């Protein structure tokens, strides 16, 4: 199955009580919440944040176009229409927050939204794909990278991470590839990640990584290639 069809299938989520033909209204939005925790120096940080968000949106659309082919062209506009980035940028609430603190904040937000969604729509599934288990993070490292690194990247965080995972032996089949519960990914691999999530659970994430500049990096189908080149997230 093509990546776009995989993604489209993952987005379809009718209520449990529905037993009828496929209906457009039951396709849920796909994308991520992204938290900004760095705000200084103000002018430069604002510029970096805006550039990062613009690049994520631009490359998500470009990734969809990359995987388009005649038999799936009819779903391309719908995929672009339903893509979202939930931008959380509030210095009073988020400045300097650690990843564990963000996990608590994010899950509280997700539970409140889920309760409202379930009451209004009678769904027993997350209102978006891939759901609240993962979120994106733009901290000081990420935003500084917008200026100084040769490619665009973000941090992807597992919201339900158990700190005890760090203590598991590396050869344990229960130990995730990212024992800290987060990994770096290029901004050009949003579609790839959402498709990979359809066929695996978080313990297998990131599914395939390479070492770039001494750090582990997920780059979707282009993992192993130079992320700074023009076909990836290079500037």
C-alpha atoms as a PDB file:
ATOM      1  CA  UNK A   1       0.000   0.000   0.000  1.00  0.00           C
ATOM      2  CA  UNK A   2       1.269   3.484  -0.802  1.00  0.00           C
ATOM      3  CA  UNK A   3       2.248   5.763   2.066  1.00  0.00           C
ATOM      4  CA  UNK A   4      -0.571   8.182   1.318  1.00  0.00           C
ATOM      5  CA  UNK A   5      -3.175   5.415   1.407  1.00  0.00           C
ATOM      6  CA  UNK A   6      -1.681   4.131   4.660  1.00  0.00           C
ATOM      7  CA  UNK A   7      -1.958   7.593   6.161  1.00  0.00           C
ATOM      8  CA  UNK A   8      -5.476   8.087   4.824  1.00  0.00           C
ATOM      9  CA  UNK A   9      -6.579   4.753   6.266  1.00  0.00           C
ATOM     10  CA  UNK A  10      -5.110   5.672   9.660  1.00  0.00           C
ATOM     11  CA  UNK A  11      -7.078   8.919   9.631  1.00  0.00           C
ATOM     12  CA  UNK A  12     -10.446   7.207   9.185  1.00  0.00           C
ATOM     13  CA  UNK A  13     -12.131   6.846  12.557  1.00  0.00           C
ATOM     14  CA  UNK A  14     -15.922   6.445  12.644  1.00  0.00           C
ATOM     15  CA  UNK A  15     -17.705   6.181  16.007  1.00  0.00           C
ATOM     16  CA  UNK A  16     -17.998   2.668  17.382  1.00  0.00           C
ATOM     17  CA  UNK A  17     -21.754   2.905  16.953  1.00  0.00           C
ATOM     18  CA  UNK A  18     -21.494   3.657  13.214  1.00  0.00           C
ATOM     19  CA  UNK A  19     -21.996   0.785  10.766  1.00  0.00           C
ATOM     20  CA  UNK A  20     -22.356   2.298   7.350  1.00  0.00           C
ATOM     21  CA  UNK A  21     -20.460   3.364   4.238  1.00  0.00           C
ATOM     22  CA  UNK A  22     -17.312   5.465   4.376  1.00  0.00           C
ATOM     23  CA  UNK A  23     -18.134   9.080   5.222  1.00  0.00           C
ATOM     24  CA  UNK A  24     -15.823  12.084   4.778  1.00  0.00           C
ATOM     25  CA  UNK A  25     -16.704  13.570   8.153  1.00  0.00           C
ATOM     26  CA  UNK A  26     -15.068  10.624   9.936  1.00  0.00           C
ATOM     27  CA  UNK A  27     -11.606  11.413   8.605  1.00  0.00           C
ATOM     28  CA  UNK A  28      -9.773  12.967  11.541  1.00  0.00           C
ATOM     29  CA  UNK A  29      -7.041  15.588  11.191  1.00  0.00           C
ATOM     30  CA  UNK A  30      -3.460  14.367  11.273  1.00  0.00           C
ATOM     31  CA  UNK A  31      -0.467  16.132  12.726  1.00  0.00           C
ATOM     32  CA  UNK A  32       1.105  17.084  16.033  1.00  0.00           C
ATOM     33  CA  UNK A  33       1.075  19.539  18.884  1.00  0.00           C
ATOM     34  CA  UNK A  34       4.383  21.409  19.095  1.00  0.00           C
ATOM     35  CA  UNK A  35       5.570  23.146  22.263  1.00  0.00           C
ATOM     36  CA  UNK A  36       7.967  26.072  22.316  1.00  0.00           C
ATOM     37  CA  UNK A  37       9.985  26.370  25.528  1.00  0.00           C
ATOM     38  CA  UNK A  38      12.638  28.931  24.507  1.00  0.00           C
ATOM     39  CA  UNK A  39      11.900  32.655  24.137  1.00  0.00           C
ATOM     40  CA  UNK A  40      15.214  34.500  24.480  1.00  0.00           C
ATOM     41  CA  UNK A  41      16.578  36.562  22.882  1.00  0.00           C
ATOM     42  CA  UNK A  42      13.023  37.537  22.006  1.00  0.00           C
ATOM     43  CA  UNK A  43      13.404  38.892  18.462  1.00  0.00           C
ATOM     44  CA  UNK A  44      15.741  36.142  17.279  1.00  0.00           C
ATOM     45  CA  UNK A  45      13.754  33.404  18.995  1.00  0.00           C
ATOM     46  CA  UNK A  46      10.490  34.614  17.431  1.00  0.00           C
ATOM     47  CA  UNK A  47      12.116  34.606  14.005  1.00  0.00           C
ATOM     48  CA  UNK A  48      13.443  31.067  14.508  1.00  0.00           C
ATOM     49  CA  UNK A  49      10.075  29.801  15.728  1.00  0.00           C
ATOM     50  CA  UNK A  50       8.198  31.273  12.761  1.00  0.00           C
ATOM     51  CA  UNK A  51      10.760  29.852  10.323  1.00  0.00           C
ATOM     52  CA  UNK A  52      10.512  26.399  11.904  1.00  0.00           C
ATOM     53  CA  UNK A  53       6.712  26.297  11.802  1.00  0.00           C
ATOM     54  CA  UNK A  54       6.686  27.505   8.196  1.00  0.00           C
ATOM     55  CA  UNK A  55       9.205  24.824   7.225  1.00  0.00           C
ATOM     56  CA  UNK A  56       7.211  22.033   8.905  1.00  0.00           C
ATOM     57  CA  UNK A  57       4.046  23.035   7.031  1.00  0.00           C
ATOM     58  CA  UNK A  58       5.871  23.534   3.748  1.00  0.00           C
ATOM     59  CA  UNK A  59       7.644  20.189   3.916  1.00  0.00           C
ATOM     60  CA  UNK A  60       4.567  18.238   4.994  1.00  0.00           C
ATOM     61  CA  UNK A  61       2.851  19.405   1.809  1.00  0.00           C
ATOM     62  CA  UNK A  62       5.989  18.650  -0.222  1.00  0.00           C
ATOM     63  CA  UNK A  63       6.192  15.167   1.284  1.00  0.00           C
ATOM     64  CA  UNK A  64       2.600  14.474   0.262  1.00  0.00           C
ATOM     65  CA  UNK A  65       3.372  15.624  -3.280  1.00  0.00           C
ATOM     66  CA  UNK A  66       6.470  13.410  -3.312  1.00  0.00           C
ATOM     67  CA  UNK A  67       4.391  10.297  -2.634  1.00  0.00           C
ATOM     68  CA  UNK A  68       1.528  11.247  -4.960  1.00  0.00           C
ATOM     69  CA  UNK A  69       0.821   9.019  -7.948  1.00  0.00           C
ATOM     70  CA  UNK A  70      -2.150   8.630 -10.303  1.00  0.00           C
ATOM     71  CA  UNK A  71      -4.066   6.113  -8.188  1.00  0.00           C
ATOM     72  CA  UNK A  72      -3.932   8.295  -5.042  1.00  0.00           C
ATOM     73  CA  UNK A  73      -4.046  11.802  -6.507  1.00  0.00           C
ATOM     74  CA  UNK A  74      -7.701  12.098  -5.479  1.00  0.00           C
ATOM     75  CA  UNK A  75      -6.798  12.071  -1.767  1.00  0.00           C
ATOM     76  CA  UNK A  76      -3.881  14.534  -1.973  1.00  0.00           C
ATOM     77  CA  UNK A  77      -5.999  17.703  -1.457  1.00  0.00           C
ATOM     78  CA  UNK A  78      -7.795  16.088   1.482  1.00  0.00           C
ATOM     79  CA  UNK A  79      -4.531  15.076   3.153  1.00  0.00           C
ATOM     80  CA  UNK A  80      -3.197  18.612   2.846  1.00  0.00           C
ATOM     81  CA  UNK A  81      -6.462  20.074   4.113  1.00  0.00           C
ATOM     82  CA  UNK A  82      -6.521  17.880   7.238  1.00  0.00           C
ATOM     83  CA  UNK A  83      -2.881  18.385   8.231  1.00  0.00           C
ATOM     84  CA  UNK A  84      -2.428  20.493  11.352  1.00  0.00           C
ATOM     85  CA  UNK A  85       0.279  21.809  13.646  1.00  0.00           C
ATOM     86  CA  UNK A  86      -1.097  22.819  17.033  1.00  0.00           C
ATOM     87  CA  UNK A  87       1.305  25.622  17.971  1.00  0.00           C
ATOM     88  CA  UNK A  88       1.760  26.054  21.715  1.00  0.00           C
ATOM     89  CA  UNK A  89       3.833  29.185  22.336  1.00  0.00           C
ATOM     90  CA  UNK A  90       3.247  30.827  25.714  1.00  0.00           C
ATOM     91  CA  UNK A  91       6.257  32.120  27.646  1.00  0.00           C
ATOM     92  CA  UNK A  92       4.305  32.433  30.896  1.00  0.00           C
ATOM     93  CA  UNK A  93       3.277  28.781  30.749  1.00  0.00           C
ATOM     94  CA  UNK A  94       6.061  27.064  28.822  1.00  0.00           C
ATOM     95  CA  UNK A  95       9.343  28.968  29.171  1.00  0.00           C
ATOM     96  CA  UNK A  96      12.102  26.682  30.410  1.00  0.00           C
ATOM     97  CA  UNK A  97       9.838  23.678  30.875  1.00  0.00           C
ATOM     98  CA  UNK A  98      11.640  20.327  30.967  1.00  0.00           C
ATOM     99  CA  UNK A  99      10.517  17.336  28.912  1.00  0.00           C
ATOM    100  CA  UNK A 100       9.023  15.563  31.979  1.00  0.00           C
ATOM    101  CA  UNK A 101       7.093  18.732  32.838  1.00  0.00           C
ATOM    102  CA  UNK A 102       5.829  19.008  29.267  1.00  0.00           C
ATOM    103  CA  UNK A 103       4.646  15.413  29.372  1.00  0.00           C
ATOM    104  CA  UNK A 104       2.416  16.180  32.351  1.00  0.00           C
ATOM    105  CA  UNK A 105       1.098  19.367  30.754  1.00  0.00           C
ATOM    106  CA  UNK A 106       0.501  17.673  27.403  1.00  0.00           C
ATOM    107  CA  UNK A 107      -1.345  14.686  28.849  1.00  0.00           C
ATOM    108  CA  UNK A 108      -3.561  16.937  30.972  1.00  0.00           C
ATOM    109  CA  UNK A 109      -4.418  18.915  27.831  1.00  0.00           C
ATOM    110  CA  UNK A 110      -5.043  15.724  25.842  1.00  0.00           C
ATOM    111  CA  UNK A 111      -7.331  14.257  28.513  1.00  0.00           C
ATOM    112  CA  UNK A 112      -9.426  17.415  28.646  1.00  0.00           C
ATOM    113  CA  UNK A 113      -9.751  17.494  24.857  1.00  0.00           C
ATOM    114  CA  UNK A 114     -10.533  13.770  24.710  1.00  0.00           C
ATOM    115  CA  UNK A 115     -13.313  14.088  27.271  1.00  0.00           C
ATOM    116  CA  UNK A 116     -14.904  16.945  25.336  1.00  0.00           C
ATOM    117  CA  UNK A 117     -14.520  15.098  22.030  1.00  0.00           C
ATOM    118  CA  UNK A 118     -16.054  11.898  23.392  1.00  0.00           C
ATOM    119  CA  UNK A 119     -19.063  13.767  24.748  1.00  0.00           C
ATOM    120  CA  UNK A 120     -19.680  15.646  21.523  1.00  0.00           C
ATOM    121  CA  UNK A 121     -18.855  13.002  18.920  1.00  0.00           C
ATOM    122  CA  UNK A 122     -19.275   9.685  20.752  1.00  0.00           C
ATOM    123  CA  UNK A 123     -15.821   8.580  19.716  1.00  0.00           C
ATOM    124  CA  UNK A 124     -13.701   6.107  21.639  1.00  0.00           C
ATOM    125  CA  UNK A 125     -10.586   6.946  19.626  1.00  0.00           C
ATOM    126  CA  UNK A 126      -8.274   9.987  19.634  1.00  0.00           C
ATOM    127  CA  UNK A 127      -9.668  12.949  17.735  1.00  0.00           C
ATOM    128  CA  UNK A 128      -6.496  13.232  15.647  1.00  0.00           C
ATOM    129  CA  UNK A 129      -3.902  10.936  14.122  1.00  0.00           C
ATOM    130  CA  UNK A 130      -1.468   9.827  15.493  1.00  0.00           C
ATOM    131  CA  UNK A 131      -3.149  10.925  18.724  1.00  0.00           C
ATOM    132  CA  UNK A 132      -1.720  12.438  21.896  1.00  0.00           C
ATOM    133  CA  UNK A 133       1.000   9.864  22.622  1.00  0.00           C
ATOM    134  CA  UNK A 134       3.608  11.894  20.723  1.00  0.00           C
ATOM    135  CA  UNK A 135       4.279  15.604  20.547  1.00  0.00           C
ATOM    136  CA  UNK A 136       6.934  17.848  19.024  1.00  0.00           C
ATOM    137  CA  UNK A 137       9.287  20.111  20.930  1.00  0.00           C
ATOM    138  CA  UNK A 138      11.051  23.306  19.934  1.00  0.00           C
ATOM    139  CA  UNK A 139      13.435  24.025  22.796  1.00  0.00           C
ATOM    140  CA  UNK A 140      16.571  26.175  22.783  1.00  0.00           C
ATOM    141  CA  UNK A 141      18.586  23.517  20.917  1.00  0.00           C
ATOM    142  CA  UNK A 142      15.971  23.172  18.185  1.00  0.00           C
ATOM    143  CA  UNK A 143      15.463  26.901  17.683  1.00  0.00           C
ATOM    144  CA  UNK A 144      19.184  27.627  17.673  1.00  0.00           C
ATOM    145  CA  UNK A 145      19.497  24.895  15.060  1.00  0.00           C
ATOM    146  CA  UNK A 146      17.207  26.879  12.758  1.00  0.00           C
ATOM    147  CA  UNK A 147      20.021  29.416  12.506  1.00  0.00           C
ATOM    148  CA  UNK A 148      23.195  27.379  12.837  1.00  0.00           C
ATOM    149  CA  UNK A 149      22.518  23.840  11.567  1.00  0.00           C
ATOM    150  CA  UNK A 150      22.614  22.880   7.862  1.00  0.00           C
ATOM    151  CA  UNK A 151      19.169  21.240   8.012  1.00  0.00           C
ATOM    152  CA  UNK A 152      15.855  21.711   9.850  1.00  0.00           C
ATOM    153  CA  UNK A 153      15.038  19.323  12.684  1.00  0.00           C
ATOM    154  CA  UNK A 154      12.757  19.000  15.701  1.00  0.00           C
ATOM    155  CA  UNK A 155      12.447  16.802  18.759  1.00  0.00           C
ATOM    156  CA  UNK A 156       9.695  14.184  18.896  1.00  0.00           C
ATOM    157  CA  UNK A 157       8.672  13.221  22.443  1.00  0.00           C
ATOM    158  CA  UNK A 158       6.782  10.175  23.684  1.00  0.00           C
ATOM    159  CA  UNK A 159       4.258  11.511  26.195  1.00  0.00           C
ATOM    160  CA  UNK A 160       3.806   8.260  28.141  1.00  0.00           C
ATOM    161  CA  UNK A 161       7.504   7.578  28.585  1.00  0.00           C
ATOM    162  CA  UNK A 162       8.494   5.670  31.716  1.00  0.00           C
ATOM    163  CA  UNK A 163      11.795   6.845  33.179  1.00  0.00           C
ATOM    164  CA  UNK A 164      12.435   3.243  34.289  1.00  0.00           C
ATOM    165  CA  UNK A 165      13.016   2.359  30.633  1.00  0.00           C
ATOM    166  CA  UNK A 166      16.490   3.883  30.921  1.00  0.00           C
ATOM    167  CA  UNK A 167      17.563   1.132  33.296  1.00  0.00           C
ATOM    168  CA  UNK A 168      16.650  -1.752  31.011  1.00  0.00           C
ATOM    169  CA  UNK A 169      19.582  -3.584  29.367  1.00  0.00           C
ATOM    170  CA  UNK A 170      20.287  -2.519  25.809  1.00  0.00           C
ATOM    171  CA  UNK A 171      19.600  -6.027  24.541  1.00  0.00           C
ATOM    172  CA  UNK A 172      16.181  -6.115  26.218  1.00  0.00           C
ATOM    173  CA  UNK A 173      13.335  -6.429  23.742  1.00  0.00           C
ATOM    174  CA  UNK A 174      11.340  -4.138  26.016  1.00  0.00           C
ATOM    175  CA  UNK A 175      13.858  -1.312  25.871  1.00  0.00           C
ATOM    176  CA  UNK A 176      13.011   1.313  23.220  1.00  0.00           C
ATOM    177  CA  UNK A 177      15.630   2.639  20.787  1.00  0.00           C
ATOM    178  CA  UNK A 178      15.276   6.029  22.520  1.00  0.00           C
ATOM    179  CA  UNK A 179      15.557   5.300  26.259  1.00  0.00           C
ATOM    180  CA  UNK A 180      15.047   8.974  27.132  1.00  0.00           C
ATOM    181  CA  UNK A 181      11.654   8.913  25.427  1.00  0.00           C
ATOM    182  CA  UNK A 182      12.427  11.358  22.625  1.00  0.00           C
ATOM    183  CA  UNK A 183      14.384  11.495  19.377  1.00  0.00           C
ATOM    184  CA  UNK A 184      15.489  14.002  16.763  1.00  0.00           C
ATOM    185  CA  UNK A 185      13.768  13.996  13.396  1.00  0.00           C
ATOM    186  CA  UNK A 186      14.002  16.092  10.261  1.00  0.00           C
ATOM    187  CA  UNK A 187      11.108  18.373   9.385  1.00  0.00           C
ATOM    188  CA  UNK A 188      10.881  16.492   6.100  1.00  0.00           C
ATOM    189  CA  UNK A 189       9.775  13.199   7.683  1.00  0.00           C
ATOM    190  CA  UNK A 190       6.353  13.999   9.178  1.00  0.00           C
ATOM    191  CA  UNK A 191       4.442  11.859   6.664  1.00  0.00           C
ATOM    192  CA  UNK A 192       6.920   9.000   7.014  1.00  0.00           C
ATOM    193  CA  UNK A 193       6.599   9.036  10.802  1.00  0.00           C
ATOM    194  CA  UNK A 194       2.797   9.074  10.747  1.00  0.00           C
ATOM    195  CA  UNK A 195       2.823   6.102   8.367  1.00  0.00           C
ATOM    196  CA  UNK A 196       5.378   4.205  10.445  1.00  0.00           C
ATOM    197  CA  UNK A 197       3.182   4.701  13.512  1.00  0.00           C
ATOM    198  CA  UNK A 198       0.337   2.865  11.791  1.00  0.00           C
ATOM    199  CA  UNK A 199       2.268  -0.407  11.791  1.00  0.00           C
ATOM    200  CA  UNK A 200       4.246  -0.285  15.035  1.00  0.00           C
ATOM    201  CA  UNK A 201       4.042   0.852  18.624  1.00  0.00           C
ATOM    202  CA  UNK A 202       6.238   3.424  20.328  1.00  0.00           C
ATOM    203  CA  UNK A 203       8.767   0.836  21.536  1.00  0.00           C
ATOM    204  CA  UNK A 204       9.910   0.483  17.946  1.00  0.00           C
ATOM    205  CA  UNK A 205      10.365   4.214  17.443  1.00  0.00           C
ATOM    206  CA  UNK A 206      12.180   5.675  15.810  1.00  0.00           C
ATOM    207  CA  UNK A 207      11.991   2.695  13.444  1.00  0.00           C
ATOM    208  CA  UNK A 208      15.192   3.493  11.595  1.00  0.00           C
ATOM    209  CA  UNK A 209      17.830   6.048  12.460  1.00  0.00           C
ATOM    210  CA  UNK A 210      21.302   7.125  11.468  1.00  0.00           C
ATOM    211  CA  UNK A 211      24.084   8.981  13.252  1.00  0.00           C
ATOM    212  CA  UNK A 212      24.519  12.496  11.866  1.00  0.00           C
ATOM    213  CA  UNK A 213      27.038  14.812  13.474  1.00  0.00           C
ATOM    214  CA  UNK A 214      27.273  12.512  16.462  1.00  0.00           C
ATOM    215  CA  UNK A 215      23.513  12.457  17.176  1.00  0.00           C
ATOM    216  CA  UNK A 216      20.765   9.950  16.390  1.00  0.00           C
ATOM    217  CA  UNK A 217      18.431  11.257  13.679  1.00  0.00           C
ATOM    218  CA  UNK A 218      15.210   9.950  12.133  1.00  0.00           C
ATOM    219  CA  UNK A 219      14.848  11.018   8.510  1.00  0.00           C
ATOM    220  CA  UNK A 220      12.058   8.763   7.278  1.00  0.00           C
ATOM    221  CA  UNK A 221      12.673   7.153   3.904  1.00  0.00           C
ATOM    222  CA  UNK A 222      15.825   9.235   3.598  1.00  0.00           C
ATOM    223  CA  UNK A 223      17.387   7.936   6.820  1.00  0.00           C
ATOM    224  CA  UNK A 224      21.050   7.376   6.113  1.00  0.00           C
ATOM    225  CA  UNK A 225      21.190  10.087   3.450  1.00  0.00           C
ATOM    226  CA  UNK A 226      22.628  13.532   4.075  1.00  0.00           C
ATOM    227  CA  UNK A 227      19.821  15.559   5.757  1.00  0.00           C
ATOM    228  CA  UNK A 228      21.421  18.774   4.503  1.00  0.00           C
ATOM    229  CA  UNK A 229      20.822  17.983   0.846  1.00  0.00           C
ATOM    230  CA  UNK A 230      18.045  19.516  -1.183  1.00  0.00           C
ATOM    231  CA  UNK A 231      15.812  16.426  -1.194  1.00  0.00           C
ATOM    232  CA  UNK A 232      15.714  16.314   2.595  1.00  0.00           C
ATOM    233  CA  UNK A 233      15.560  19.156   5.118  1.00  0.00           C
ATOM    234  CA  UNK A 234      18.592  21.103   3.931  1.00  0.00           C
ATOM    235  CA  UNK A 235      18.557  24.886   3.878  1.00  0.00           C
END
